[in-house]
Amino acid sequence: MALLTYAPTKTNLLKLRSDLKFAQLGHELLDQKRNILIIELLNLVDQTADFQNRVEEALVQAYKTLEEAVLQMGKLKVHNLGSAVNIETNIRIGMRRVMGVSLPVVDTDFIEKPPYFSLMGTSFWIDSSLGAFKSALKLLGKLAELKISVLRLAGEVRKTIRKVNALEKIAIPDLKDTVSYIESRLEENERDMFVLMKMVKERLEAKRKKE
């Protein structure tokens, strides 16, 4: 690993030791964040797969009921009845946060203003079709929520992994190497100073004896 460019002084040693502790703490927190995000991401992936299947099944059921209505009443009548339907769709998008990541929360409600048409001469498949399509639309909103959440969490996991790796493989090893280098240099300087002071003392004592 590369040594950081610091002069081998006690002041720099204290600073680098503090930086090393801070980097190690940051690595620990980021590692915890990464693990929590991965657990949340895997959970959302499972939910997304489940809702994908539920949406597909709901759409199949919705179009099946519509097809039955058309077979019994005719395409033109179903089209006219469909034009008379008065349902307002209210899609609310909120937010929740997971480890600082904003994730959407989608709620779908319907404001119905029945009756849409006379019950005379209509098939129960019409009502079944309306109910099936409303259920499918709610599931689609939830599926969109999950897919966007998965994308955002996956992006945050990638960024967090890069930060963890940068600290683990570059910053912390460089700081450790630099701290070790400065410690060894200071110890060497202290030994040299001790030897020098010993030599000075011996010379002074020798001079004093001669006098």
Protein backbone atom coordinates (compact mmCIF):
# COMPACT_ATOMS: atom_id res chain seq x y z
CA MET A 1 0.00 0.00 0.00
CA ALA A 2 1.10 3.57 -0.61
CA LEU A 3 2.29 5.70 2.27
CA LEU A 4 0.54 9.00 2.81
CA THR A 5 2.73 12.08 2.54
CA TYR A 6 3.13 13.15 6.17
CA ALA A 7 6.26 14.24 7.97
CA PRO A 8 7.22 11.79 10.77
CA THR A 9 6.21 14.00 13.69
CA LYS A 10 4.25 13.26 16.87
CA THR A 11 1.60 15.78 15.85
CA ASN A 12 1.04 14.01 12.54
CA LEU A 13 1.07 10.64 14.29
CA LEU A 14 -1.72 11.73 16.64
CA LYS A 15 -3.69 13.15 13.71
CA LEU A 16 -3.30 9.98 11.65
CA ARG A 17 -4.28 7.76 14.57
CA SER A 18 -7.44 9.85 14.95
CA ASP A 19 -8.11 9.62 11.19
CA LEU A 20 -7.60 5.85 11.33
CA LYS A 21 -10.12 5.44 14.18
CA PHE A 22 -12.60 7.61 12.29
CA ALA A 23 -12.10 5.58 9.08
CA GLN A 24 -12.54 2.29 10.97
CA LEU A 25 -15.74 3.59 12.60
CA GLY A 26 -17.01 4.77 9.20
CA HIS A 27 -16.21 1.37 7.71
CA GLU A 28 -18.12 -0.39 10.51
CA LEU A 29 -21.19 1.85 10.07
CA LEU A 30 -21.15 1.53 6.28
CA ASP A 31 -20.77 -2.24 6.58
CA GLN A 32 -23.86 -2.33 8.82
CA LYS A 33 -25.73 -0.09 6.38
CA ARG A 34 -24.77 -2.35 3.47
CA ASN A 35 -26.05 -5.44 5.29
CA ILE A 36 -29.35 -3.78 6.22
CA LEU A 37 -29.84 -2.52 2.65
CA ILE A 38 -29.10 -5.95 1.18
CA ILE A 39 -31.62 -7.61 3.51
CA GLU A 40 -34.25 -5.00 2.60
CA LEU A 41 -33.40 -5.34 -1.09
CA LEU A 42 -33.74 -9.13 -1.07
CA ASN A 43 -37.06 -8.82 0.74
CA LEU A 44 -38.34 -6.36 -1.87
CA VAL A 45 -37.12 -8.57 -4.71
CA ASP A 46 -39.16 -11.47 -3.29
CA GLN A 47 -42.19 -9.20 -2.93
CA THR A 48 -41.73 -7.90 -6.48
CA ALA A 49 -41.65 -11.42 -7.90
CA ASP A 50 -44.80 -12.28 -5.95
CA PHE A 51 -46.66 -9.15 -7.09
CA GLN A 52 -45.52 -9.69 -10.68
CA ASN A 53 -47.26 -13.06 -10.62
CA ARG A 54 -50.32 -11.60 -8.91
CA VAL A 55 -50.57 -8.80 -11.49
CA GLU A 56 -50.33 -11.25 -14.38
CA GLU A 57 -53.01 -13.47 -12.83
CA ALA A 58 -55.24 -10.45 -12.10
CA LEU A 59 -54.96 -9.18 -15.68
CA VAL A 60 -55.72 -12.63 -17.07
CA GLN A 61 -58.81 -12.78 -14.85
CA ALA A 62 -59.88 -9.24 -15.78
CA TYR A 63 -59.65 -9.85 -19.51
CA LYS A 64 -61.37 -13.22 -19.08
CA THR A 65 -64.39 -11.57 -17.43
CA LEU A 66 -64.42 -8.88 -20.11
CA GLU A 67 -64.35 -11.53 -22.81
CA GLU A 68 -67.27 -13.35 -21.16
CA ALA A 69 -69.24 -10.09 -21.05
CA VAL A 70 -68.58 -9.49 -24.74
CA LEU A 71 -69.63 -13.03 -25.63
CA GLN A 72 -72.91 -12.67 -23.76
CA MET A 73 -73.83 -9.07 -24.60
CA GLY A 74 -71.91 -8.17 -27.72
CA LYS A 75 -68.91 -5.90 -28.21
CA LEU A 76 -70.94 -2.78 -29.06
CA LYS A 77 -73.13 -2.97 -25.94
CA VAL A 78 -70.16 -3.62 -23.67
CA HIS A 79 -68.39 -0.64 -25.23
CA ASN A 80 -71.44 1.58 -24.62
CA LEU A 81 -71.77 0.36 -21.03
CA GLY A 82 -68.06 0.93 -20.50
CA SER A 83 -68.45 4.53 -21.67
CA ALA A 84 -71.12 5.04 -19.01
CA VAL A 85 -68.90 3.94 -16.16
CA ASN A 86 -68.02 6.85 -13.87
CA ILE A 87 -65.10 5.88 -11.62
CA GLU A 88 -62.39 8.29 -10.53
CA THR A 89 -59.00 6.79 -9.79
CA ASN A 90 -57.00 8.43 -7.02
CA ILE A 91 -53.31 7.43 -6.95
CA ARG A 92 -51.38 8.86 -4.00
CA ILE A 93 -47.61 8.64 -3.91
CA GLY A 94 -45.96 8.95 -0.51
CA MET A 95 -42.43 8.29 0.70
CA ARG A 96 -40.70 6.14 3.26
CA ARG A 97 -37.01 6.05 4.11
CA VAL A 98 -34.74 3.06 4.58
CA MET A 99 -31.22 3.96 5.78
CA GLY A 100 -31.54 7.39 4.21
CA VAL A 101 -32.95 6.11 0.89
CA SER A 102 -36.32 7.54 -0.18
CA LEU A 103 -38.68 4.83 -1.40
CA PRO A 104 -42.15 5.42 -2.89
CA VAL A 105 -45.39 4.27 -1.32
CA VAL A 106 -48.25 3.99 -3.82
CA ASP A 107 -51.88 3.90 -2.67
CA THR A 108 -54.69 3.49 -5.20
CA ASP A 109 -58.29 4.32 -4.35
CA PHE A 110 -61.45 4.58 -6.40
CA ILE A 111 -64.27 7.09 -6.11
CA GLU A 112 -67.32 5.43 -7.64
CA LYS A 113 -70.49 7.17 -8.73
CA PRO A 114 -72.95 4.37 -9.48
CA PRO A 115 -75.23 3.35 -10.96
CA TYR A 116 -73.36 3.43 -14.22
CA PHE A 117 -76.14 1.85 -16.21
CA SER A 118 -79.46 0.07 -15.85
CA LEU A 119 -79.24 -3.50 -14.58
CA MET A 120 -81.87 -4.55 -17.09
CA GLY A 121 -80.40 -6.47 -19.98
CA THR A 122 -76.86 -6.56 -18.54
CA SER A 123 -74.70 -9.49 -17.48
CA PHE A 124 -73.07 -9.99 -14.10
CA TRP A 125 -69.82 -10.35 -16.06
CA ILE A 126 -69.83 -6.57 -16.46
CA ASP A 127 -69.63 -6.00 -12.71
CA SER A 128 -67.12 -8.83 -12.41
CA SER A 129 -64.98 -7.21 -15.08
CA LEU A 130 -65.09 -3.82 -13.35
CA GLY A 131 -64.05 -5.37 -10.05
CA ALA A 132 -61.29 -7.41 -11.67
CA PHE A 133 -59.78 -4.42 -13.47
CA LYS A 134 -59.87 -2.32 -10.29
CA SER A 135 -58.04 -5.08 -8.42
CA ALA A 136 -55.48 -5.34 -11.21
CA LEU A 137 -54.92 -1.58 -11.16
CA LYS A 138 -54.28 -1.61 -7.41
CA LEU A 139 -51.79 -4.42 -7.84
CA LEU A 140 -50.08 -2.53 -10.68
CA GLY A 141 -49.60 0.47 -8.39
CA LYS A 142 -48.03 -1.72 -5.75
CA LEU A 143 -45.84 -3.43 -8.35
CA ALA A 144 -44.60 -0.04 -9.61
CA GLU A 145 -43.81 0.93 -6.00
CA LEU A 146 -41.79 -2.25 -5.49
CA LYS A 147 -39.87 -2.06 -8.77
CA ILE A 148 -38.83 1.56 -8.19
CA SER A 149 -37.83 0.69 -4.62
CA VAL A 150 -35.71 -2.22 -5.86
CA LEU A 151 -33.93 0.02 -8.37
CA ARG A 152 -33.22 2.72 -5.79
CA LEU A 153 -32.03 0.28 -3.16
CA ALA A 154 -29.84 -1.57 -5.65
CA GLY A 155 -28.21 1.72 -6.61
CA GLU A 156 -27.61 2.61 -2.96
CA VAL A 157 -26.19 -0.86 -2.27
CA ARG A 158 -23.71 -0.44 -5.14
CA LYS A 159 -22.61 2.98 -3.82
CA THR A 160 -22.28 1.68 -0.26
CA ILE A 161 -20.25 -1.35 -1.40
CA ARG A 162 -17.87 0.96 -3.30
CA LYS A 163 -17.40 3.10 -0.17
CA VAL A 164 -16.84 0.05 2.03
CA ASN A 165 -14.29 -1.36 -0.41
CA ALA A 166 -12.51 1.99 -0.70
CA LEU A 167 -12.14 2.20 3.07
CA GLU A 168 -11.30 -1.48 3.52
CA LYS A 169 -8.81 -1.87 0.67
CA ILE A 170 -7.31 1.60 0.26
CA ALA A 171 -7.90 4.24 2.95
CA ILE A 172 -7.53 2.11 6.11
CA PRO A 173 -4.48 0.12 4.88
CA ASP A 174 -2.78 3.35 3.76
CA LEU A 175 -3.46 4.97 7.12
CA LYS A 176 -2.20 1.89 8.99
CA ASP A 177 0.98 1.75 6.91
CA THR A 178 1.61 5.45 7.40
CA VAL A 179 1.02 5.25 11.16
CA SER A 180 3.41 2.28 11.38
CA TYR A 181 6.01 4.10 9.30
CA ILE A 182 5.85 7.27 11.43
CA GLU A 183 5.95 5.21 14.64
CA SER A 184 9.07 3.39 13.45
CA ARG A 185 10.72 6.64 12.36
CA LEU A 186 9.98 8.29 15.70
CA GLU A 187 11.33 5.25 17.57
CA GLU A 188 14.44 5.36 15.40
CA ASN A 189 14.85 9.07 16.07
CA GLU A 190 14.48 8.46 19.80
CA ARG A 191 17.13 5.73 19.66
CA ASP A 192 19.46 8.00 17.70
CA MET A 193 18.85 10.82 20.18
CA PHE A 194 19.54 8.46 23.08
CA VAL A 195 22.82 7.31 21.52
CA LEU A 196 23.79 10.90 20.80
CA MET A 197 23.02 12.03 24.34
CA LYS A 198 24.97 9.07 25.70
CA MET A 199 27.98 10.00 23.57
CA VAL A 200 27.76 13.62 24.70
CA LYS A 201 27.55 12.55 28.34
CA GLU A 202 30.55 10.22 27.96
CA ARG A 203 32.63 12.98 26.37
CA LEU A 204 31.69 15.44 29.09
CA GLU A 205 32.63 12.92 31.75
CA ALA A 206 35.93 12.15 30.00
CA LYS A 207 36.73 15.84 29.75
CA ARG A 208 35.87 16.36 33.41
CA LYS A 209 38.26 13.54 34.44
CA LYS A 210 41.13 15.05 32.45
CA GLU A 211 40.64 18.38 34.13
